[in-house]
């Protein structure tokens, strides 16, 4: 998912429709789910699907291959193109139809280069840095004194820039928007970006926000998400603390930095992957299950969002394996450009205006390896009864939470939600997602919990199956 976490508040827990079990026990991060599949005598299609996933799922092996053999999948990179071809081949092999890519304008591509930093005075140690994506490189080694900028407001931030001009900038506390600025967040970010550009800093360093030398990553070719014209890098939190201590003791730390990343001279196209399993009497209506196949490039994109991508693919595989014929058409969409600001899902919605009213619902999985514990109502009371019914077959797998929607979130459901389509991002156990794997170099298969991934596949399959066959249409309408 993109840089900010989903804003959801749990409002109620569903037990009324749970099959026999009243409540789910607390689960330690990474522990196996103690619930299992429904009793063997159950013969409903939902029960058959849950057993199919439990006994024959290919998601874990697919994720291992995607992470270890293909690897990081930065949007506009050759590796993402390999992953998209791989996913389409898998989907076609399971019987999907209408398997294709949809192109959209992305902007310039970006390629990471060599990156190094070290202290030139004090203890002289090497500093751990990662160049922020879609920022310019340093064109060789640069060196200079590090200065700290901490500002409570935009006005303080703007006022501090002239005195720091031309030196290497370490960003401390970021300015917070006031009430008026909160209503124009793009304008607020633009003002910060313009102020920093006026400083002509040879390098801007940002603390990673994670412990244990973990790095972070963000960036975009989208002007609204741009980091500005200065070379910029994330710095390990412990090394940022070292520089701050030196500055506060007036030891004037000097560092040498080289950032070799570069943007392409010309804009490129990016692509979403689309695949269908046709419906029957309501085939013109769609249920979309989606994740983003792109990732950042420090790790291998296993939890962000390899898990979500293979889970959505597994939904189609399970239905096809049992030769089930849903009333509506199941559509798998593997978005790209999510990490650069939901660009792929925005492009999909803009490209399909005539289709939006025919989408029954969209389910997005994009919160790491953790099991799915529930779904948000997205601010509509009418959605609560629907979600309760659809979740019933997986209550005994720990999916029992009905959340209250409280604000925007950076996952691919958002463009659909803004267009009035019922779109739901999964509520998941965090495990170590925000504290470790999210946008860092340890987003690898080692941090995947296979039992949780299988549960996620089961929940996504159950939700899709009920929604594909639900006799009623979900309430549409603008946000």
Protein backbone atom coordinates (compact mmCIF):
# COMPACT_ATOMS: atom_id res chain seq x y z
CA UNK A 1 0.00 0.00 0.00
CA UNK A 2 1.03 3.63 -0.29
CA UNK A 3 2.69 5.54 2.50
CA UNK A 4 -0.18 6.05 4.93
CA UNK A 5 -2.05 3.28 6.72
CA UNK A 6 -5.75 2.60 6.44
CA UNK A 7 -7.89 4.69 8.79
CA UNK A 8 -10.50 2.35 10.16
CA UNK A 9 -12.12 2.17 13.56
CA UNK A 10 -13.68 -1.06 14.72
CA UNK A 11 -17.29 -0.45 15.62
CA UNK A 12 -18.82 -3.90 16.04
CA UNK A 13 -17.96 -7.57 15.97
CA UNK A 14 -20.23 -10.03 14.22
CA UNK A 15 -21.38 -13.12 16.05
CA UNK A 16 -25.02 -13.44 15.02
CA UNK A 17 -24.25 -15.32 11.84
CA UNK A 18 -21.22 -17.22 13.05
CA UNK A 19 -21.44 -21.00 12.64
CA UNK A 20 -21.36 -22.36 16.21
CA UNK A 21 -18.24 -20.54 17.42
CA UNK A 22 -18.99 -17.37 19.37
CA UNK A 23 -15.66 -15.60 19.48
CA UNK A 24 -12.18 -15.88 18.06
CA UNK A 25 -9.25 -16.11 20.47
CA UNK A 26 -6.45 -13.56 20.36
CA UNK A 27 -3.76 -14.55 17.90
CA UNK A 28 -0.15 -13.66 18.44
CA UNK A 29 1.54 -12.14 15.38
CA UNK A 30 2.75 -14.91 13.14
CA UNK A 31 1.00 -17.70 15.05
CA UNK A 32 -0.99 -20.32 13.17
CA UNK A 33 -4.73 -19.76 12.92
CA UNK A 34 -6.39 -22.33 15.23
CA UNK A 35 -9.65 -22.53 13.32
CA UNK A 36 -9.37 -24.71 10.25
CA UNK A 37 -11.97 -25.16 7.53
CA UNK A 38 -15.70 -25.87 7.95
CA UNK A 39 -16.85 -29.29 9.11
CA UNK A 40 -16.51 -31.91 6.39
CA UNK A 41 -20.27 -32.58 6.19
CA UNK A 42 -20.85 -29.03 4.91
CA UNK A 43 -21.73 -29.24 1.23
CA UNK A 44 -22.45 -25.63 0.25
CA UNK A 45 -20.45 -24.13 -2.60
CA UNK A 46 -18.81 -21.78 -0.09
CA UNK A 47 -17.68 -24.72 2.05
CA UNK A 48 -16.36 -26.54 -1.01
CA UNK A 49 -14.39 -23.45 -2.01
CA UNK A 50 -12.86 -23.11 1.44
CA UNK A 51 -11.75 -26.74 1.36
CA UNK A 52 -10.39 -26.32 -2.17
CA UNK A 53 -8.21 -23.43 -1.04
CA UNK A 54 -7.12 -25.22 2.15
CA UNK A 55 -6.19 -28.43 0.35
CA UNK A 56 -5.00 -27.31 -3.08
CA UNK A 57 -4.04 -23.63 -2.87
CA UNK A 58 -1.18 -22.43 -5.08
CA UNK A 59 -0.85 -18.98 -3.51
CA UNK A 60 2.09 -19.74 -1.22
CA UNK A 61 4.16 -21.30 -4.00
CA UNK A 62 3.16 -18.51 -6.40
CA UNK A 63 4.23 -15.86 -3.89
CA UNK A 64 7.56 -17.55 -3.32
CA UNK A 65 8.18 -17.59 -7.07
CA UNK A 66 7.00 -14.01 -7.50
CA UNK A 67 9.22 -12.78 -4.66
CA UNK A 68 12.34 -14.88 -5.12
CA UNK A 69 12.48 -15.48 -8.87
CA UNK A 70 11.04 -12.24 -10.23
CA UNK A 71 11.72 -9.96 -7.28
CA UNK A 72 11.09 -6.22 -6.80
CA UNK A 73 8.52 -4.77 -9.19
CA UNK A 74 8.88 -1.02 -9.43
CA UNK A 75 6.27 0.44 -11.77
CA UNK A 76 7.83 1.03 -15.22
CA UNK A 77 10.57 -1.56 -14.56
CA UNK A 78 11.36 -4.65 -16.61
CA UNK A 79 10.76 -6.83 -13.55
CA UNK A 80 7.18 -5.61 -13.22
CA UNK A 81 6.66 -6.40 -16.90
CA UNK A 82 7.99 -9.93 -16.23
CA UNK A 83 5.62 -10.27 -13.27
CA UNK A 84 2.66 -9.14 -15.35
CA UNK A 85 3.45 -11.66 -18.08
CA UNK A 86 3.85 -14.36 -15.40
CA UNK A 87 0.49 -13.49 -13.81
CA UNK A 88 -1.34 -13.51 -17.14
CA UNK A 89 0.10 -16.91 -18.00
CA UNK A 90 -1.01 -18.30 -14.64
CA UNK A 91 -4.52 -16.88 -15.00
CA UNK A 92 -4.92 -18.19 -18.55
CA UNK A 93 -3.70 -21.61 -17.43
CA UNK A 94 -6.47 -21.79 -14.85
CA UNK A 95 -9.13 -20.96 -17.44
CA UNK A 96 -9.50 -17.19 -17.21
CA UNK A 97 -10.76 -15.38 -20.30
CA UNK A 98 -10.37 -11.82 -21.53
CA UNK A 99 -6.86 -11.81 -20.04
CA UNK A 100 -5.20 -8.60 -21.12
CA UNK A 101 -3.25 -5.51 -20.11
CA UNK A 102 -4.61 -1.98 -20.05
CA UNK A 103 -2.11 0.83 -20.61
CA UNK A 104 -2.16 4.29 -19.08
CA UNK A 105 0.17 7.30 -19.12
CA UNK A 106 2.59 7.06 -16.22
CA UNK A 107 5.30 9.70 -16.63
CA UNK A 108 9.07 9.16 -16.61
CA UNK A 109 10.48 5.88 -15.38
CA UNK A 110 13.07 5.85 -12.58
CA UNK A 111 16.04 3.58 -12.07
CA UNK A 112 17.97 3.19 -8.83
CA UNK A 113 21.74 3.53 -9.00
CA UNK A 114 24.65 3.26 -6.59
CA UNK A 115 24.09 5.06 -3.29
CA UNK A 116 26.59 5.69 -0.52
CA UNK A 117 27.02 8.03 2.44
CA UNK A 118 29.59 8.41 5.22
CA UNK A 119 30.59 10.81 7.95
CA UNK A 120 33.72 12.79 7.18
CA UNK A 121 34.29 13.83 10.78
CA UNK A 122 33.16 12.66 14.23
CA UNK A 123 33.32 8.83 14.21
CA UNK A 124 33.61 8.58 10.42
CA UNK A 125 31.10 5.77 10.09
CA UNK A 126 29.22 4.64 7.02
CA UNK A 127 25.62 5.88 6.87
CA UNK A 128 22.79 3.75 5.52
CA UNK A 129 20.79 5.62 2.87
CA UNK A 130 18.34 4.84 0.06
CA UNK A 131 17.54 7.42 -2.58
CA UNK A 132 13.90 8.42 -2.67
CA UNK A 133 12.30 7.27 -5.91
CA UNK A 134 11.65 9.78 -8.70
CA UNK A 135 14.14 12.26 -7.29
CA UNK A 136 17.27 13.29 -9.20
CA UNK A 137 20.68 11.86 -8.39
CA UNK A 138 23.68 13.82 -7.16
CA UNK A 139 25.73 13.47 -10.37
CA UNK A 140 28.68 12.09 -8.43
CA UNK A 141 29.81 12.55 -4.84
CA UNK A 142 28.80 15.65 -2.92
CA UNK A 143 29.92 16.66 0.53
CA UNK A 144 28.95 19.29 3.02
CA UNK A 145 27.79 20.19 6.49
CA UNK A 146 24.51 18.71 7.67
CA UNK A 147 21.93 21.13 9.08
CA UNK A 148 18.69 20.20 10.83
CA UNK A 149 15.30 21.66 9.95
CA UNK A 150 12.45 21.23 12.40
CA UNK A 151 9.34 23.36 11.96
CA UNK A 152 5.91 23.24 13.56
CA UNK A 153 4.12 25.17 10.80
CA UNK A 154 4.41 25.88 7.10
CA UNK A 155 5.28 29.52 7.85
CA UNK A 156 8.12 28.45 10.17
CA UNK A 157 9.32 25.99 7.52
CA UNK A 158 9.38 28.63 4.80
CA UNK A 159 11.10 31.16 7.06
CA UNK A 160 13.89 28.74 8.00
CA UNK A 161 14.94 27.82 4.45
CA UNK A 162 17.03 30.89 3.46
CA UNK A 163 19.48 30.50 6.35
CA UNK A 164 20.11 26.84 5.45
CA UNK A 165 20.50 27.32 1.71
CA UNK A 166 23.11 25.23 -0.06
CA UNK A 167 23.91 22.84 2.78
CA UNK A 168 22.90 19.20 3.24
CA UNK A 169 19.49 19.22 4.90
CA UNK A 170 18.28 16.74 7.50
CA UNK A 171 14.53 16.96 7.96
CA UNK A 172 13.37 16.63 11.55
CA UNK A 173 9.82 17.48 12.58
CA UNK A 174 7.63 18.20 9.56
CA UNK A 175 5.21 21.14 9.61
CA UNK A 176 1.62 20.23 10.35
CA UNK A 177 -1.22 21.73 8.30
CA UNK A 178 -3.65 24.07 9.99
CA UNK A 179 -7.39 23.68 9.51
CA UNK A 180 -7.42 25.64 6.26
CA UNK A 181 -4.43 23.74 4.89
CA UNK A 182 -6.06 20.41 5.71
CA UNK A 183 -8.73 21.28 3.15
CA UNK A 184 -6.08 21.72 0.47
CA UNK A 185 -3.48 19.04 1.16
CA UNK A 186 -2.14 19.13 -2.39
CA UNK A 187 -1.58 22.87 -2.05
CA UNK A 188 0.09 22.35 1.33
CA UNK A 189 2.48 19.75 -0.09
CA UNK A 190 3.18 21.99 -3.08
CA UNK A 191 4.12 24.89 -0.78
CA UNK A 192 6.58 22.66 1.12
CA UNK A 193 8.06 21.38 -2.13
CA UNK A 194 8.50 24.90 -3.52
CA UNK A 195 10.13 26.11 -0.32
CA UNK A 196 12.62 23.25 -0.41
CA UNK A 197 13.41 23.86 -4.09
CA UNK A 198 14.30 27.44 -3.20
CA UNK A 199 16.92 26.12 -0.78
CA UNK A 200 18.99 24.51 -3.58
CA UNK A 201 20.06 21.75 -1.21
CA UNK A 202 22.65 19.35 -2.66
CA UNK A 203 20.91 16.53 -0.74
CA UNK A 204 17.86 16.28 1.51
CA UNK A 205 17.89 13.47 4.10
CA UNK A 206 14.73 12.07 5.71
CA UNK A 207 14.77 9.76 8.76
CA UNK A 208 13.27 6.39 7.84
CA UNK A 209 10.84 6.25 10.77
CA UNK A 210 11.71 2.60 11.43
CA UNK A 211 14.08 1.00 13.93
CA UNK A 212 16.93 -1.50 13.47
CA UNK A 213 18.49 0.15 10.41
CA UNK A 214 15.35 -0.41 8.34
CA UNK A 215 14.90 2.00 5.47
CA UNK A 216 11.78 3.44 3.88
CA UNK A 217 10.69 4.43 0.41
CA UNK A 218 8.28 6.67 -1.42
CA UNK A 219 8.19 8.86 -4.52
CA UNK A 220 6.18 9.41 -7.69
CA UNK A 221 6.24 10.92 -11.17
CA UNK A 222 2.84 12.41 -10.33
CA UNK A 223 3.36 16.18 -9.79
CA UNK A 224 1.01 16.14 -6.81
CA UNK A 225 3.20 13.56 -5.09
CA UNK A 226 6.56 14.91 -6.25
CA UNK A 227 9.36 15.34 -3.73
CA UNK A 228 10.82 18.38 -5.51
CA UNK A 229 14.00 19.01 -7.46
CA UNK A 230 16.62 18.23 -4.80
CA UNK A 231 18.28 14.82 -4.56
CA UNK A 232 16.60 13.14 -1.62
CA UNK A 233 17.27 10.02 0.42
CA UNK A 234 15.90 8.11 3.37
CA UNK A 235 18.41 7.70 6.19
CA UNK A 236 18.36 4.90 8.78
CA UNK A 237 16.70 6.16 11.94
CA UNK A 238 19.71 5.39 14.13
CA UNK A 239 22.02 7.31 11.79
CA UNK A 240 19.63 10.26 11.70
CA UNK A 241 19.73 10.27 15.51
CA UNK A 242 23.53 10.29 15.41
CA UNK A 243 23.56 13.35 13.14
CA UNK A 244 21.04 15.13 15.34
CA UNK A 245 23.15 14.51 18.43
CA UNK A 246 26.24 15.87 16.71
CA UNK A 247 24.35 18.95 15.56
CA UNK A 248 22.99 19.62 19.04
CA UNK A 249 26.51 19.33 20.47
CA UNK A 250 27.67 21.78 17.78
CA UNK A 251 30.07 19.29 16.25
CA UNK A 252 28.91 20.30 12.76
CA UNK A 253 28.76 16.89 11.08
CA UNK A 254 30.07 16.76 7.51
CA UNK A 255 29.12 13.92 5.23
CA UNK A 256 29.83 12.62 1.74
CA UNK A 257 26.87 11.36 -0.28
CA UNK A 258 26.40 9.80 -3.69
CA UNK A 259 22.95 9.03 -5.12
CA UNK A 260 22.96 7.47 -8.57
CA UNK A 261 19.26 7.11 -9.40
CA UNK A 262 17.99 8.68 -12.62
CA UNK A 263 14.75 9.49 -14.44
CA UNK A 264 14.11 8.63 -18.07
CA UNK A 265 14.20 11.42 -20.63
CA UNK A 266 10.77 10.48 -22.01
CA UNK A 267 7.48 9.47 -20.36
CA UNK A 268 6.44 5.83 -20.45
CA UNK A 269 3.26 3.82 -20.17
CA UNK A 270 2.31 1.54 -17.30
CA UNK A 271 -0.18 -1.35 -17.32
CA UNK A 272 -2.88 -3.04 -15.27
CA UNK A 273 -3.57 -6.76 -15.68
CA UNK A 274 -7.22 -7.82 -16.13
CA UNK A 275 -8.67 -11.35 -16.21
CA UNK A 276 -12.26 -12.64 -16.08
CA UNK A 277 -14.17 -15.75 -15.11
CA UNK A 278 -17.50 -15.31 -16.93
CA UNK A 279 -20.84 -15.21 -15.18
CA UNK A 280 -24.13 -16.68 -16.31
CA UNK A 281 -27.45 -14.84 -16.13
CA UNK A 282 -25.87 -11.63 -14.74
CA UNK A 283 -22.63 -11.83 -16.73
CA UNK A 284 -22.67 -8.12 -17.54
CA UNK A 285 -22.29 -7.33 -13.83
CA UNK A 286 -18.86 -7.58 -12.21
CA UNK A 287 -17.28 -8.43 -8.88
CA UNK A 288 -13.68 -7.22 -8.80
CA UNK A 289 -10.99 -8.67 -6.55
CA UNK A 290 -7.81 -6.65 -6.71
CA UNK A 291 -4.33 -6.04 -5.42
CA UNK A 292 -1.33 -4.16 -6.75
CA UNK A 293 1.40 -6.15 -8.43
CA UNK A 294 3.91 -3.28 -8.31
CA UNK A 295 6.19 -2.88 -5.31
CA UNK A 296 9.11 -0.84 -4.08
CA UNK A 297 12.56 -2.06 -4.96
CA UNK A 298 14.40 -2.27 -1.64
CA UNK A 299 12.87 -5.68 -0.89
CA UNK A 300 11.00 -8.12 -3.12
CA UNK A 301 7.44 -6.91 -2.57
CA UNK A 302 6.30 -10.06 -0.78
CA UNK A 303 3.89 -8.39 1.66
CA UNK A 304 3.28 -5.17 -0.28
CA UNK A 305 1.57 -6.41 -2.27
CA UNK A 306 2.58 -9.85 -3.41
CA UNK A 307 0.28 -11.39 -0.81
CA UNK A 308 -2.73 -9.48 -2.10
CA UNK A 309 -1.93 -10.21 -5.73
CA UNK A 310 -1.62 -13.98 -5.33
CA UNK A 311 -4.70 -14.07 -3.09
CA UNK A 312 -6.81 -12.45 -5.81
CA UNK A 313 -5.42 -14.86 -8.38
CA UNK A 314 -6.24 -17.77 -6.04
CA UNK A 315 -9.91 -16.73 -5.96
CA UNK A 316 -10.18 -17.30 -9.70
CA UNK A 317 -8.17 -20.52 -9.53
CA UNK A 318 -10.44 -22.01 -6.84
CA UNK A 319 -13.67 -21.21 -8.70
CA UNK A 320 -12.28 -22.57 -11.95
CA UNK A 321 -10.94 -25.73 -10.28
CA UNK A 322 -14.41 -26.60 -8.96
CA UNK A 323 -16.01 -25.58 -12.27
CA UNK A 324 -18.41 -23.32 -10.40
CA UNK A 325 -20.51 -20.98 -12.52
CA UNK A 326 -21.19 -17.67 -10.75
CA UNK A 327 -24.10 -15.51 -11.77
CA UNK A 328 -21.93 -12.43 -12.16
CA UNK A 329 -18.52 -12.21 -13.81
CA UNK A 330 -15.50 -12.40 -11.54
CA UNK A 331 -12.79 -9.96 -12.58
CA UNK A 332 -9.25 -10.05 -11.20
CA UNK A 333 -7.39 -6.74 -11.55
CA UNK A 334 -3.70 -6.53 -10.69
CA UNK A 335 -3.02 -2.81 -10.54
CA UNK A 336 0.29 -1.06 -11.06
CA UNK A 337 1.33 2.44 -10.01
CA UNK A 338 -0.28 2.01 -6.59
CA UNK A 339 2.92 2.93 -4.78
CA UNK A 340 3.22 6.12 -6.82
CA UNK A 341 -0.21 7.39 -5.76
CA UNK A 342 -2.95 4.94 -6.80
CA UNK A 343 -2.23 5.69 -10.44
CA UNK A 344 -3.31 2.31 -11.82
CA UNK A 345 -6.67 2.17 -10.07
CA UNK A 346 -7.36 5.83 -10.92
CA UNK A 347 -6.60 5.01 -14.56
CA UNK A 348 -8.87 1.94 -14.48
CA UNK A 349 -11.83 3.93 -13.14
CA UNK A 350 -11.31 6.69 -15.70
CA UNK A 351 -11.07 4.16 -18.53
CA UNK A 352 -14.31 2.34 -17.61
CA UNK A 353 -17.00 4.97 -16.92
CA UNK A 354 -19.73 2.88 -18.55
CA UNK A 355 -18.83 -0.12 -16.41
CA UNK A 356 -18.94 1.46 -12.94
CA UNK A 357 -22.68 1.11 -12.43
CA UNK A 358 -22.39 -2.60 -13.28
CA UNK A 359 -19.75 -3.34 -10.63
CA UNK A 360 -21.45 -5.15 -7.76
CA UNK A 361 -18.47 -4.66 -5.43
CA UNK A 362 -14.68 -4.35 -5.28
CA UNK A 363 -12.57 -6.18 -2.67
CA UNK A 364 -8.96 -5.08 -2.14
CA UNK A 365 -6.28 -6.93 -0.16
CA UNK A 366 -3.30 -4.66 0.60
CA UNK A 367 -2.28 -4.69 4.27
CA UNK A 368 0.53 -7.21 4.40
CA UNK A 369 0.75 -10.86 5.36
CA UNK A 370 -1.76 -10.75 8.23
CA UNK A 371 -5.03 -12.68 8.17
CA UNK A 372 -8.20 -10.82 7.21
CA UNK A 373 -10.22 -10.10 10.34
CA UNK A 374 -13.08 -8.18 8.73
CA UNK A 375 -14.26 -5.45 6.38
CA UNK A 376 -15.26 -1.77 6.72
CA UNK A 377 -18.78 -0.58 5.96
CA UNK A 378 -17.39 2.42 4.01
CA UNK A 379 -19.86 4.74 5.68
CA UNK A 380 -23.04 3.10 4.39
CA UNK A 381 -25.45 1.41 6.78
CA UNK A 382 -26.84 -0.71 3.95
CA UNK A 383 -23.45 -2.36 3.50
CA UNK A 384 -23.41 -3.80 6.99
CA UNK A 385 -26.04 -6.48 6.45
CA UNK A 386 -24.44 -7.46 3.15
CA UNK A 387 -20.99 -7.77 4.71
CA UNK A 388 -22.35 -9.76 7.65
CA UNK A 389 -23.95 -12.29 5.32
CA UNK A 390 -20.93 -12.58 3.03
CA UNK A 391 -18.58 -13.03 6.00
CA UNK A 392 -20.65 -15.75 7.65
CA UNK A 393 -18.87 -18.73 6.00
CA UNK A 394 -15.52 -17.47 7.28
CA UNK A 395 -16.52 -16.34 10.78
CA UNK A 396 -14.91 -19.50 12.10
CA UNK A 397 -11.70 -18.54 10.31
CA UNK A 398 -11.48 -15.37 12.41
CA UNK A 399 -13.12 -12.98 9.95
CA UNK A 400 -15.68 -11.44 12.29
CA UNK A 401 -15.08 -7.67 12.41
CA UNK A 402 -17.38 -5.11 10.85
CA UNK A 403 -15.47 -1.82 10.85
CA UNK A 404 -16.71 1.74 10.63
CA UNK A 405 -15.15 3.78 7.87
CA UNK A 406 -13.49 6.91 9.23
CA UNK A 407 -11.53 8.49 6.38
CA UNK A 408 -9.50 8.21 3.21
CA UNK A 409 -6.95 5.47 2.77
CA UNK A 410 -4.22 4.84 0.28
CA UNK A 411 -5.27 1.56 -1.26
CA UNK A 412 -6.76 0.79 -4.65
CA UNK A 413 -10.35 0.75 -3.42
CA UNK A 414 -10.32 4.54 -3.17
CA UNK A 415 -10.89 5.52 -6.81
CA UNK A 416 -13.89 3.17 -6.97
CA UNK A 417 -15.26 4.47 -3.67
CA UNK A 418 -15.03 8.07 -4.88
CA UNK A 419 -16.93 7.05 -8.02
CA UNK A 420 -19.77 5.62 -5.91
CA UNK A 421 -18.90 1.94 -6.37
CA UNK A 422 -19.10 -0.30 -3.26
CA UNK A 423 -15.39 -0.90 -2.61
CA UNK A 424 -13.92 -2.53 0.48
CA UNK A 425 -10.29 -2.74 1.69
CA UNK A 426 -9.63 -5.71 3.95
CA UNK A 427 -9.01 -5.17 7.66
CA UNK A 428 -5.99 -7.33 8.48
CA UNK A 429 -3.75 -8.27 11.38
CA UNK A 430 -0.79 -5.93 11.20
CA UNK A 431 1.84 -8.55 12.15
CA UNK A 432 5.07 -6.59 11.39
CA UNK A 433 3.77 -4.71 8.37
CA UNK A 434 3.96 -1.05 9.44
CA UNK A 435 6.88 -1.58 11.82
CA UNK A 436 9.12 -3.57 9.48
CA UNK A 437 8.17 -4.76 5.98
CA UNK A 438 6.19 -1.77 4.65
CA UNK A 439 8.37 -0.08 1.97
CA UNK A 440 11.58 -1.45 3.51
CA UNK A 441 14.38 -3.82 2.52
CA UNK A 442 12.86 -6.67 4.57
CA UNK A 443 9.67 -6.88 2.51
CA UNK A 444 10.64 -10.43 1.58
CA UNK A 445 9.12 -13.90 1.62
CA UNK A 446 10.79 -14.56 4.98
CA UNK A 447 8.20 -12.28 6.60
CA UNK A 448 5.20 -14.01 5.03
CA UNK A 449 3.03 -16.12 7.36
CA UNK A 450 1.77 -18.95 5.09
CA UNK A 451 -1.17 -19.84 7.36
CA UNK A 452 -2.33 -16.23 7.28
CA UNK A 453 -2.01 -16.06 3.51
CA UNK A 454 -4.14 -19.20 3.11
CA UNK A 455 -6.79 -17.71 5.42
CA UNK A 456 -6.71 -14.53 3.35
CA UNK A 457 -7.30 -16.54 0.18
CA UNK A 458 -10.23 -18.32 1.83
CA UNK A 459 -11.80 -15.06 3.00
CA UNK A 460 -11.36 -13.35 -0.36
CA UNK A 461 -12.88 -16.38 -2.10
CA UNK A 462 -15.87 -16.55 0.24
CA UNK A 463 -16.56 -12.81 -0.05
CA UNK A 464 -16.32 -12.94 -3.83
CA UNK A 465 -18.54 -16.03 -4.13
CA UNK A 466 -21.36 -14.60 -2.05
CA UNK A 467 -21.19 -11.26 -3.89
CA UNK A 468 -21.13 -12.94 -7.29
CA UNK A 469 -24.40 -14.73 -6.51
CA UNK A 470 -26.19 -12.30 -4.19
CA UNK A 471 -29.71 -11.73 -5.57
CA UNK A 472 -29.70 -8.05 -4.58
CA UNK A 473 -27.64 -5.18 -5.93
CA UNK A 474 -25.43 -3.35 -3.48
CA UNK A 475 -26.19 0.30 -2.86
CA UNK A 476 -24.22 2.59 -5.17
CA UNK A 477 -23.83 6.31 -4.79
CA UNK A 478 -21.27 9.04 -4.52
CA UNK A 479 -19.28 9.38 -1.31
